[in-house]
């Protein structure tokens, strides 16, 4: 019987549990906080950290897929005077499922041009996982011109601040123009 058990244990496949790779934004926050652990010490360190945060975010945008797998809410879609549509997406504030407890909130808006066929499928106030390329940051007045309709101002700055809980961060990444290749609605 002992030999049978030993033989059985050799034939049972073993499973390995692999953790999902961290999203790039999570890696950026980890790296930033590790590099500047005392950035919340005083007003001077916070101001300097926000300048460095802005540069770190802008450098991260060089990876066109930096925001792949990010959950966004479709705020609205507008037909432009030219042929086509512009869709407006917003980060879900505190509703990120990173499995990463150090991010309390993440704020940014995204504008993207969409085809007629995609425009017909997008649902306002629905949550999407997006995959696409970052074209670059965009300021609020330019966003309004591209969208050709009033937009609610969300955030124009780049900042990382400690939340009301120590070691938990609120993050602003301004506004972005993206070329979104794929939209996956979250049911």
C-alpha atoms as a PDB file:
ATOM      1  CA  UNK A   1       0.000   0.000   0.000  1.00  0.00           C
ATOM      2  CA  UNK A   2       2.850   2.378   0.798  1.00  0.00           C
ATOM      3  CA  UNK A   3       4.360   1.723  -2.655  1.00  0.00           C
ATOM      4  CA  UNK A   4       0.957   2.400  -4.241  1.00  0.00           C
ATOM      5  CA  UNK A   5       0.690   5.743  -2.437  1.00  0.00           C
ATOM      6  CA  UNK A   6       4.231   6.674  -3.431  1.00  0.00           C
ATOM      7  CA  UNK A   7       3.488   5.776  -7.056  1.00  0.00           C
ATOM      8  CA  UNK A   8       0.226   7.744  -6.952  1.00  0.00           C
ATOM      9  CA  UNK A   9       1.951  10.821  -5.561  1.00  0.00           C
ATOM     10  CA  UNK A  10       4.401  10.734  -8.463  1.00  0.00           C
ATOM     11  CA  UNK A  11       1.617  10.760 -11.046  1.00  0.00           C
ATOM     12  CA  UNK A  12      -0.548  13.509  -9.560  1.00  0.00           C
ATOM     13  CA  UNK A  13       0.121  16.699 -11.458  1.00  0.00           C
ATOM     14  CA  UNK A  14       1.358  19.551  -9.373  1.00  0.00           C
ATOM     15  CA  UNK A  15      -0.069  22.999  -9.783  1.00  0.00           C
ATOM     16  CA  UNK A  16       1.821  26.172  -9.280  1.00  0.00           C
ATOM     17  CA  UNK A  17       0.092  29.341  -8.344  1.00  0.00           C
ATOM     18  CA  UNK A  18       1.320  32.324 -10.257  1.00  0.00           C
ATOM     19  CA  UNK A  19       0.365  35.782  -9.195  1.00  0.00           C
ATOM     20  CA  UNK A  20      -0.866  38.120 -11.872  1.00  0.00           C
ATOM     21  CA  UNK A  21       1.755  40.596 -13.014  1.00  0.00           C
ATOM     22  CA  UNK A  22       1.401  44.023 -11.473  1.00  0.00           C
ATOM     23  CA  UNK A  23      -0.179  46.671 -13.624  1.00  0.00           C
ATOM     24  CA  UNK A  24       2.312  49.319 -14.792  1.00  0.00           C
ATOM     25  CA  UNK A  25       0.696  52.016 -12.624  1.00  0.00           C
ATOM     26  CA  UNK A  26       1.232  49.820  -9.554  1.00  0.00           C
ATOM     27  CA  UNK A  27       4.894  49.330 -10.475  1.00  0.00           C
ATOM     28  CA  UNK A  28       5.264  53.084 -10.980  1.00  0.00           C
ATOM     29  CA  UNK A  29       3.815  53.858  -7.537  1.00  0.00           C
ATOM     30  CA  UNK A  30       5.981  51.205  -5.865  1.00  0.00           C
ATOM     31  CA  UNK A  31       9.110  52.515  -7.559  1.00  0.00           C
ATOM     32  CA  UNK A  32       8.293  56.146  -6.833  1.00  0.00           C
ATOM     33  CA  UNK A  33       7.568  55.563  -3.151  1.00  0.00           C
ATOM     34  CA  UNK A  34      10.703  53.408  -2.788  1.00  0.00           C
ATOM     35  CA  UNK A  35      12.836  56.123  -4.406  1.00  0.00           C
ATOM     36  CA  UNK A  36      11.339  58.975  -2.370  1.00  0.00           C
ATOM     37  CA  UNK A  37      10.119  57.396   0.894  1.00  0.00           C
ATOM     38  CA  UNK A  38      10.039  60.739   2.726  1.00  0.00           C
ATOM     39  CA  UNK A  39       8.172  62.744   0.118  1.00  0.00           C
ATOM     40  CA  UNK A  40       5.322  63.523   2.527  1.00  0.00           C
ATOM     41  CA  UNK A  41       7.620  65.072   5.177  1.00  0.00           C
ATOM     42  CA  UNK A  42       6.698  68.700   4.553  1.00  0.00           C
ATOM     43  CA  UNK A  43       5.353  71.130   1.969  1.00  0.00           C
ATOM     44  CA  UNK A  44       8.722  71.466   0.217  1.00  0.00           C
ATOM     45  CA  UNK A  45       9.204  67.702  -0.156  1.00  0.00           C
ATOM     46  CA  UNK A  46       5.582  67.317  -1.346  1.00  0.00           C
ATOM     47  CA  UNK A  47       6.018  70.022  -4.007  1.00  0.00           C
ATOM     48  CA  UNK A  48       9.285  68.501  -5.208  1.00  0.00           C
ATOM     49  CA  UNK A  49       7.743  65.027  -5.213  1.00  0.00           C
ATOM     50  CA  UNK A  50       4.818  66.206  -7.339  1.00  0.00           C
ATOM     51  CA  UNK A  51       7.247  67.624  -9.910  1.00  0.00           C
ATOM     52  CA  UNK A  52       9.097  64.315  -9.945  1.00  0.00           C
ATOM     53  CA  UNK A  53       5.799  62.407 -10.063  1.00  0.00           C
ATOM     54  CA  UNK A  54       4.720  64.373 -13.125  1.00  0.00           C
ATOM     55  CA  UNK A  55       7.982  63.511 -14.883  1.00  0.00           C
ATOM     56  CA  UNK A  56       7.696  59.850 -13.867  1.00  0.00           C
ATOM     57  CA  UNK A  57       4.147  59.693 -15.261  1.00  0.00           C
ATOM     58  CA  UNK A  58       5.129  61.456 -18.492  1.00  0.00           C
ATOM     59  CA  UNK A  59       8.077  59.064 -18.882  1.00  0.00           C
ATOM     60  CA  UNK A  60       5.699  56.137 -18.310  1.00  0.00           C
ATOM     61  CA  UNK A  61       3.494  57.361 -21.147  1.00  0.00           C
ATOM     62  CA  UNK A  62       6.375  56.504 -23.496  1.00  0.00           C
ATOM     63  CA  UNK A  63       5.166  52.943 -23.003  1.00  0.00           C
ATOM     64  CA  UNK A  64       2.066  53.230 -25.202  1.00  0.00           C
ATOM     65  CA  UNK A  65       0.392  50.368 -23.328  1.00  0.00           C
ATOM     66  CA  UNK A  66       0.926  51.852 -19.870  1.00  0.00           C
ATOM     67  CA  UNK A  67      -2.817  51.976 -19.168  1.00  0.00           C
ATOM     68  CA  UNK A  68      -3.782  48.618 -20.617  1.00  0.00           C
ATOM     69  CA  UNK A  69      -6.147  46.760 -18.290  1.00  0.00           C
ATOM     70  CA  UNK A  70      -7.202  49.926 -16.506  1.00  0.00           C
ATOM     71  CA  UNK A  71     -10.870  50.132 -15.591  1.00  0.00           C
ATOM     72  CA  UNK A  72     -12.612  53.252 -16.912  1.00  0.00           C
ATOM     73  CA  UNK A  73     -16.195  54.498 -17.000  1.00  0.00           C
ATOM     74  CA  UNK A  74     -17.608  55.777 -20.303  1.00  0.00           C
ATOM     75  CA  UNK A  75     -18.882  59.267 -19.509  1.00  0.00           C
ATOM     76  CA  UNK A  76     -20.196  60.261 -22.918  1.00  0.00           C
ATOM     77  CA  UNK A  77     -19.748  60.240 -26.648  1.00  0.00           C
ATOM     78  CA  UNK A  78     -20.088  63.099 -29.054  1.00  0.00           C
ATOM     79  CA  UNK A  79     -20.247  63.370 -32.829  1.00  0.00           C
ATOM     80  CA  UNK A  80     -17.637  65.777 -34.083  1.00  0.00           C
ATOM     81  CA  UNK A  81     -18.084  68.312 -36.869  1.00  0.00           C
ATOM     82  CA  UNK A  82     -15.639  66.243 -38.847  1.00  0.00           C
ATOM     83  CA  UNK A  83     -16.518  62.631 -39.568  1.00  0.00           C
ATOM     84  CA  UNK A  84     -16.337  60.522 -36.448  1.00  0.00           C
ATOM     85  CA  UNK A  85     -16.963  60.422 -32.744  1.00  0.00           C
ATOM     86  CA  UNK A  86     -15.017  61.244 -29.609  1.00  0.00           C
ATOM     87  CA  UNK A  87     -15.645  59.171 -26.485  1.00  0.00           C
ATOM     88  CA  UNK A  88     -14.891  60.439 -22.985  1.00  0.00           C
ATOM     89  CA  UNK A  89     -13.773  57.983 -20.303  1.00  0.00           C
ATOM     90  CA  UNK A  90     -12.947  58.624 -16.660  1.00  0.00           C
ATOM     91  CA  UNK A  91     -11.063  56.635 -14.093  1.00  0.00           C
ATOM     92  CA  UNK A  92     -13.277  55.074 -11.478  1.00  0.00           C
ATOM     93  CA  UNK A  93     -11.813  56.989  -8.573  1.00  0.00           C
ATOM     94  CA  UNK A  94     -11.769  54.472  -5.731  1.00  0.00           C
ATOM     95  CA  UNK A  95     -13.147  51.548  -7.708  1.00  0.00           C
ATOM     96  CA  UNK A  96      -9.913  49.971  -8.896  1.00  0.00           C
ATOM     97  CA  UNK A  97      -9.440  46.287  -8.408  1.00  0.00           C
ATOM     98  CA  UNK A  98      -5.661  46.241  -8.359  1.00  0.00           C
ATOM     99  CA  UNK A  99      -5.322  43.836  -5.511  1.00  0.00           C
ATOM    100  CA  UNK A 100      -3.009  46.646  -4.499  1.00  0.00           C
ATOM    101  CA  UNK A 101      -3.919  48.268  -1.234  1.00  0.00           C
ATOM    102  CA  UNK A 102      -1.607  51.277  -1.506  1.00  0.00           C
ATOM    103  CA  UNK A 103      -3.734  53.130  -4.092  1.00  0.00           C
ATOM    104  CA  UNK A 104      -6.789  54.756  -2.576  1.00  0.00           C
ATOM    105  CA  UNK A 105      -7.790  56.719  -5.664  1.00  0.00           C
ATOM    106  CA  UNK A 106      -6.585  57.277  -9.203  1.00  0.00           C
ATOM    107  CA  UNK A 107      -7.880  60.260 -11.196  1.00  0.00           C
ATOM    108  CA  UNK A 108      -7.571  60.915 -14.918  1.00  0.00           C
ATOM    109  CA  UNK A 109      -9.751  61.405 -17.982  1.00  0.00           C
ATOM    110  CA  UNK A 110      -9.292  59.925 -21.463  1.00  0.00           C
ATOM    111  CA  UNK A 111     -10.550  61.111 -24.828  1.00  0.00           C
ATOM    112  CA  UNK A 112     -10.419  58.788 -27.812  1.00  0.00           C
ATOM    113  CA  UNK A 113     -11.671  58.880 -31.381  1.00  0.00           C
ATOM    114  CA  UNK A 114     -13.984  55.986 -32.187  1.00  0.00           C
ATOM    115  CA  UNK A 115     -15.487  54.667 -35.400  1.00  0.00           C
ATOM    116  CA  UNK A 116     -19.202  54.661 -36.156  1.00  0.00           C
ATOM    117  CA  UNK A 117     -19.432  50.938 -35.449  1.00  0.00           C
ATOM    118  CA  UNK A 118     -17.765  51.268 -32.038  1.00  0.00           C
ATOM    119  CA  UNK A 119     -19.778  54.384 -31.169  1.00  0.00           C
ATOM    120  CA  UNK A 120     -22.950  52.327 -31.549  1.00  0.00           C
ATOM    121  CA  UNK A 121     -21.759  49.757 -29.005  1.00  0.00           C
ATOM    122  CA  UNK A 122     -20.487  51.993 -26.182  1.00  0.00           C
ATOM    123  CA  UNK A 123     -22.760  52.345 -23.157  1.00  0.00           C
ATOM    124  CA  UNK A 124     -22.764  55.505 -21.030  1.00  0.00           C
ATOM    125  CA  UNK A 125     -21.919  54.960 -17.359  1.00  0.00           C
ATOM    126  CA  UNK A 126     -20.710  51.432 -18.126  1.00  0.00           C
ATOM    127  CA  UNK A 127     -17.299  50.289 -16.968  1.00  0.00           C
ATOM    128  CA  UNK A 128     -14.728  49.124 -19.492  1.00  0.00           C
ATOM    129  CA  UNK A 129     -11.287  47.604 -19.476  1.00  0.00           C
ATOM    130  CA  UNK A 130      -9.336  49.348 -22.211  1.00  0.00           C
ATOM    131  CA  UNK A 131      -6.367  48.397 -24.345  1.00  0.00           C
ATOM    132  CA  UNK A 132      -4.668  50.935 -26.550  1.00  0.00           C
ATOM    133  CA  UNK A 133      -1.917  53.429 -27.128  1.00  0.00           C
ATOM    134  CA  UNK A 134      -1.364  56.656 -25.241  1.00  0.00           C
ATOM    135  CA  UNK A 135      -0.942  59.526 -27.674  1.00  0.00           C
ATOM    136  CA  UNK A 136      -0.116  61.955 -24.902  1.00  0.00           C
ATOM    137  CA  UNK A 137      -1.379  64.283 -22.202  1.00  0.00           C
ATOM    138  CA  UNK A 138      -3.968  66.847 -23.183  1.00  0.00           C
ATOM    139  CA  UNK A 139      -4.982  70.013 -21.370  1.00  0.00           C
ATOM    140  CA  UNK A 140      -8.587  70.731 -20.461  1.00  0.00           C
ATOM    141  CA  UNK A 141      -9.282  73.504 -23.029  1.00  0.00           C
ATOM    142  CA  UNK A 142      -8.000  71.263 -25.833  1.00  0.00           C
ATOM    143  CA  UNK A 143     -10.164  68.427 -24.524  1.00  0.00           C
ATOM    144  CA  UNK A 144     -13.245  70.641 -24.794  1.00  0.00           C
ATOM    145  CA  UNK A 145     -12.359  71.636 -28.354  1.00  0.00           C
ATOM    146  CA  UNK A 146     -11.838  68.009 -29.415  1.00  0.00           C
ATOM    147  CA  UNK A 147     -14.986  66.827 -27.677  1.00  0.00           C
ATOM    148  CA  UNK A 148     -16.985  69.740 -29.118  1.00  0.00           C
ATOM    149  CA  UNK A 149     -19.241  69.814 -26.083  1.00  0.00           C
ATOM    150  CA  UNK A 150     -19.006  70.870 -22.463  1.00  0.00           C
ATOM    151  CA  UNK A 151     -16.996  68.558 -20.232  1.00  0.00           C
ATOM    152  CA  UNK A 152     -16.953  68.393 -16.484  1.00  0.00           C
ATOM    153  CA  UNK A 153     -13.505  69.342 -15.279  1.00  0.00           C
ATOM    154  CA  UNK A 154     -11.898  66.446 -13.496  1.00  0.00           C
ATOM    155  CA  UNK A 155      -8.187  66.906 -12.973  1.00  0.00           C
ATOM    156  CA  UNK A 156      -5.508  68.897 -14.727  1.00  0.00           C
ATOM    157  CA  UNK A 157      -2.606  68.125 -12.464  1.00  0.00           C
ATOM    158  CA  UNK A 158      -0.111  65.402 -11.711  1.00  0.00           C
ATOM    159  CA  UNK A 159       0.193  64.628  -8.054  1.00  0.00           C
ATOM    160  CA  UNK A 160       0.746  61.828  -5.598  1.00  0.00           C
ATOM    161  CA  UNK A 161      -0.333  62.478  -2.047  1.00  0.00           C
ATOM    162  CA  UNK A 162      -0.797  60.359   0.988  1.00  0.00           C
ATOM    163  CA  UNK A 163      -4.434  59.662   1.689  1.00  0.00           C
ATOM    164  CA  UNK A 164      -6.022  60.077   5.086  1.00  0.00           C
ATOM    165  CA  UNK A 165      -4.420  56.695   5.877  1.00  0.00           C
ATOM    166  CA  UNK A 166      -0.640  56.471   6.170  1.00  0.00           C
ATOM    167  CA  UNK A 167       0.975  54.537   3.327  1.00  0.00           C
ATOM    168  CA  UNK A 168      -2.119  54.812   1.078  1.00  0.00           C
ATOM    169  CA  UNK A 169      -1.906  57.176  -1.899  1.00  0.00           C
ATOM    170  CA  UNK A 170      -4.228  59.384  -3.945  1.00  0.00           C
ATOM    171  CA  UNK A 171      -2.965  59.784  -7.489  1.00  0.00           C
ATOM    172  CA  UNK A 172      -3.715  62.329 -10.218  1.00  0.00           C
ATOM    173  CA  UNK A 173      -2.500  61.742 -13.767  1.00  0.00           C
ATOM    174  CA  UNK A 174      -4.239  64.608 -15.584  1.00  0.00           C
ATOM    175  CA  UNK A 175      -5.993  64.095 -18.931  1.00  0.00           C
ATOM    176  CA  UNK A 176      -4.970  61.912 -21.846  1.00  0.00           C
ATOM    177  CA  UNK A 177      -5.583  61.469 -25.524  1.00  0.00           C
ATOM    178  CA  UNK A 178      -5.510  57.780 -26.433  1.00  0.00           C
ATOM    179  CA  UNK A 179      -5.984  55.533 -29.409  1.00  0.00           C
ATOM    180  CA  UNK A 180      -8.024  52.785 -27.775  1.00  0.00           C
ATOM    181  CA  UNK A 181      -7.872  49.566 -29.786  1.00  0.00           C
ATOM    182  CA  UNK A 182     -10.141  47.407 -27.664  1.00  0.00           C
ATOM    183  CA  UNK A 183     -12.969  48.028 -25.211  1.00  0.00           C
ATOM    184  CA  UNK A 184     -14.146  45.221 -22.928  1.00  0.00           C
ATOM    185  CA  UNK A 185     -17.310  46.012 -21.032  1.00  0.00           C
ATOM    186  CA  UNK A 186     -17.414  44.829 -17.434  1.00  0.00           C
ATOM    187  CA  UNK A 187     -20.685  43.110 -16.607  1.00  0.00           C
END
